[in-house]
Amino acid sequence: MGISYRRAWQMFKGGKLPNAKQLPTGTIVVIEDDEESKPFESGAVAIYVRVLSHESADNLEKQAERLREYSLAKGYQIKHLVKEVGTGS
């Protein structure tokens, strides 16, 4: 959607993300409406990786590659890959 992590969190807390659920782990997932994007039925996944600073950018690529390999090994179809460099505030 092109919005920051913080803004997405605010939208979730304000009830402005339809079909958003928080898992017991704290992870928030948004289930899309169209049939093609139901991850648990089709095996499609989105990968999200984040580091706190530009100095850690090489770690960002390592995270993305590690999750990509894991997803493929499990037989998932990667629909989206999101990389973010941001601060902790």
C-alpha atoms as a PDB file:
ATOM      1  CA  MET A   1       0.000   0.000   0.000  1.00  0.00           C
ATOM      2  CA  GLY A   2       3.021   2.289   0.230  1.00  0.00           C
ATOM      3  CA  ILE A   3       2.509   3.219   3.880  1.00  0.00           C
ATOM      4  CA  SER A   4       4.893   2.991   6.810  1.00  0.00           C
ATOM      5  CA  TYR A   5       4.825   0.267   9.442  1.00  0.00           C
ATOM      6  CA  ARG A   6       3.757   2.813  12.056  1.00  0.00           C
ATOM      7  CA  ARG A   7       0.842   4.061   9.918  1.00  0.00           C
ATOM      8  CA  ALA A   8      -0.290   0.489   9.241  1.00  0.00           C
ATOM      9  CA  TRP A   9      -0.230  -0.191  13.003  1.00  0.00           C
ATOM     10  CA  GLN A  10      -2.293   2.950  13.646  1.00  0.00           C
ATOM     11  CA  MET A  11      -4.800   1.884  11.003  1.00  0.00           C
ATOM     12  CA  PHE A  12      -5.076  -1.585  12.567  1.00  0.00           C
ATOM     13  CA  LYS A  13      -5.566  -0.193  16.070  1.00  0.00           C
ATOM     14  CA  GLY A  14      -8.187   2.227  14.720  1.00  0.00           C
ATOM     15  CA  GLY A  15     -10.124  -0.586  13.020  1.00  0.00           C
ATOM     16  CA  LYS A  16      -9.435   0.803   9.540  1.00  0.00           C
ATOM     17  CA  LEU A  17      -7.931  -2.381   8.059  1.00  0.00           C
ATOM     18  CA  PRO A  18     -10.765  -4.659   6.975  1.00  0.00           C
ATOM     19  CA  ASN A  19     -10.156  -8.383   7.450  1.00  0.00           C
ATOM     20  CA  ALA A  20      -7.114  -7.752   9.698  1.00  0.00           C
ATOM     21  CA  LYS A  21      -6.471 -10.235  12.482  1.00  0.00           C
ATOM     22  CA  GLN A  22      -3.768 -10.351  15.159  1.00  0.00           C
ATOM     23  CA  LEU A  23      -2.241 -13.783  15.754  1.00  0.00           C
ATOM     24  CA  PRO A  24      -1.267 -14.943  19.263  1.00  0.00           C
ATOM     25  CA  THR A  25       2.350 -14.187  18.317  1.00  0.00           C
ATOM     26  CA  GLY A  26       1.449 -10.520  17.779  1.00  0.00           C
ATOM     27  CA  THR A  27       1.775 -10.687  13.988  1.00  0.00           C
ATOM     28  CA  ILE A  28      -1.026  -8.941  12.140  1.00  0.00           C
ATOM     29  CA  VAL A  29      -2.315 -10.475   8.925  1.00  0.00           C
ATOM     30  CA  VAL A  30      -4.752  -8.992   6.440  1.00  0.00           C
ATOM     31  CA  ILE A  31      -6.776 -11.507   4.459  1.00  0.00           C
ATOM     32  CA  GLU A  32      -7.556 -10.231   0.977  1.00  0.00           C
ATOM     33  CA  ASP A  33     -11.031 -10.737  -0.440  1.00  0.00           C
ATOM     34  CA  ASP A  34     -10.303 -12.079  -3.909  1.00  0.00           C
ATOM     35  CA  GLU A  35     -10.115 -15.846  -4.380  1.00  0.00           C
ATOM     36  CA  GLU A  36      -6.656 -15.794  -5.942  1.00  0.00           C
ATOM     37  CA  SER A  37      -4.930 -14.332  -2.903  1.00  0.00           C
ATOM     38  CA  LYS A  38      -6.099 -16.629  -0.100  1.00  0.00           C
ATOM     39  CA  PRO A  39      -2.702 -17.767   1.199  1.00  0.00           C
ATOM     40  CA  PHE A  40      -3.814 -20.685   3.343  1.00  0.00           C
ATOM     41  CA  GLU A  41      -5.784 -22.272   0.541  1.00  0.00           C
ATOM     42  CA  SER A  42      -3.480 -21.570  -2.409  1.00  0.00           C
ATOM     43  CA  GLY A  43      -0.044 -21.800  -0.751  1.00  0.00           C
ATOM     44  CA  ALA A  44       0.696 -18.156  -1.589  1.00  0.00           C
ATOM     45  CA  VAL A  45       2.663 -16.063   0.905  1.00  0.00           C
ATOM     46  CA  ALA A  46       4.054 -12.582   1.351  1.00  0.00           C
ATOM     47  CA  ILE A  47       7.532 -12.035   2.783  1.00  0.00           C
ATOM     48  CA  TYR A  48       8.266  -8.982   4.912  1.00  0.00           C
ATOM     49  CA  VAL A  49      11.813  -8.142   6.033  1.00  0.00           C
ATOM     50  CA  ARG A  50      12.943  -5.092   7.986  1.00  0.00           C
ATOM     51  CA  VAL A  51      16.134  -3.645   9.425  1.00  0.00           C
ATOM     52  CA  LEU A  52      16.519  -0.560  11.566  1.00  0.00           C
ATOM     53  CA  SER A  53      19.239   1.303   9.687  1.00  0.00           C
ATOM     54  CA  HIS A  54      20.941   1.644   6.313  1.00  0.00           C
ATOM     55  CA  GLU A  55      24.097   0.204   7.907  1.00  0.00           C
ATOM     56  CA  SER A  56      22.206  -3.084   8.206  1.00  0.00           C
ATOM     57  CA  ALA A  57      21.110  -3.122   4.569  1.00  0.00           C
ATOM     58  CA  ASP A  58      23.265  -6.172   3.769  1.00  0.00           C
ATOM     59  CA  ASN A  59      21.411  -8.014   6.536  1.00  0.00           C
ATOM     60  CA  LEU A  60      18.141  -7.062   4.839  1.00  0.00           C
ATOM     61  CA  GLU A  61      19.168  -8.994   1.743  1.00  0.00           C
ATOM     62  CA  LYS A  62      20.267 -11.983   3.848  1.00  0.00           C
ATOM     63  CA  GLN A  63      16.916 -12.028   5.642  1.00  0.00           C
ATOM     64  CA  ALA A  64      15.018 -11.852   2.364  1.00  0.00           C
ATOM     65  CA  GLU A  65      17.050 -14.667   0.830  1.00  0.00           C
ATOM     66  CA  ARG A  66      16.700 -16.867   3.927  1.00  0.00           C
ATOM     67  CA  LEU A  67      12.898 -16.422   3.956  1.00  0.00           C
ATOM     68  CA  ARG A  68      12.678 -16.911   0.201  1.00  0.00           C
ATOM     69  CA  GLU A  69      14.563 -20.222   0.460  1.00  0.00           C
ATOM     70  CA  TYR A  70      12.409 -21.342   3.390  1.00  0.00           C
ATOM     71  CA  SER A  71       9.190 -20.497   1.553  1.00  0.00           C
ATOM     72  CA  LEU A  72      10.244 -22.328  -1.583  1.00  0.00           C
ATOM     73  CA  ALA A  73      11.382 -25.356   0.449  1.00  0.00           C
ATOM     74  CA  LYS A  74       7.916 -25.500   2.040  1.00  0.00           C
ATOM     75  CA  GLY A  75       6.297 -25.301  -1.390  1.00  0.00           C
ATOM     76  CA  TYR A  76       4.828 -21.817  -0.968  1.00  0.00           C
ATOM     77  CA  GLN A  77       4.267 -19.465  -3.879  1.00  0.00           C
ATOM     78  CA  ILE A  78       5.758 -16.048  -3.079  1.00  0.00           C
ATOM     79  CA  LYS A  79       3.189 -13.402  -4.046  1.00  0.00           C
ATOM     80  CA  HIS A  80       4.897 -10.361  -2.497  1.00  0.00           C
ATOM     81  CA  LEU A  81       8.314  -9.480  -1.108  1.00  0.00           C
ATOM     82  CA  VAL A  82       8.455  -6.317   0.988  1.00  0.00           C
ATOM     83  CA  LYS A  83      11.759  -4.874   2.242  1.00  0.00           C
ATOM     84  CA  GLU A  84      11.903  -1.966   4.661  1.00  0.00           C
ATOM     85  CA  VAL A  85      14.663   0.083   6.237  1.00  0.00           C
ATOM     86  CA  GLY A  86      13.303   2.096   9.137  1.00  0.00           C
ATOM     87  CA  THR A  87      13.889   3.371  12.609  1.00  0.00           C
ATOM     88  CA  GLY A  88      12.587   1.836  15.783  1.00  0.00           C
ATOM     89  CA  SER A  89      10.515   4.891  16.656  1.00  0.00           C
END
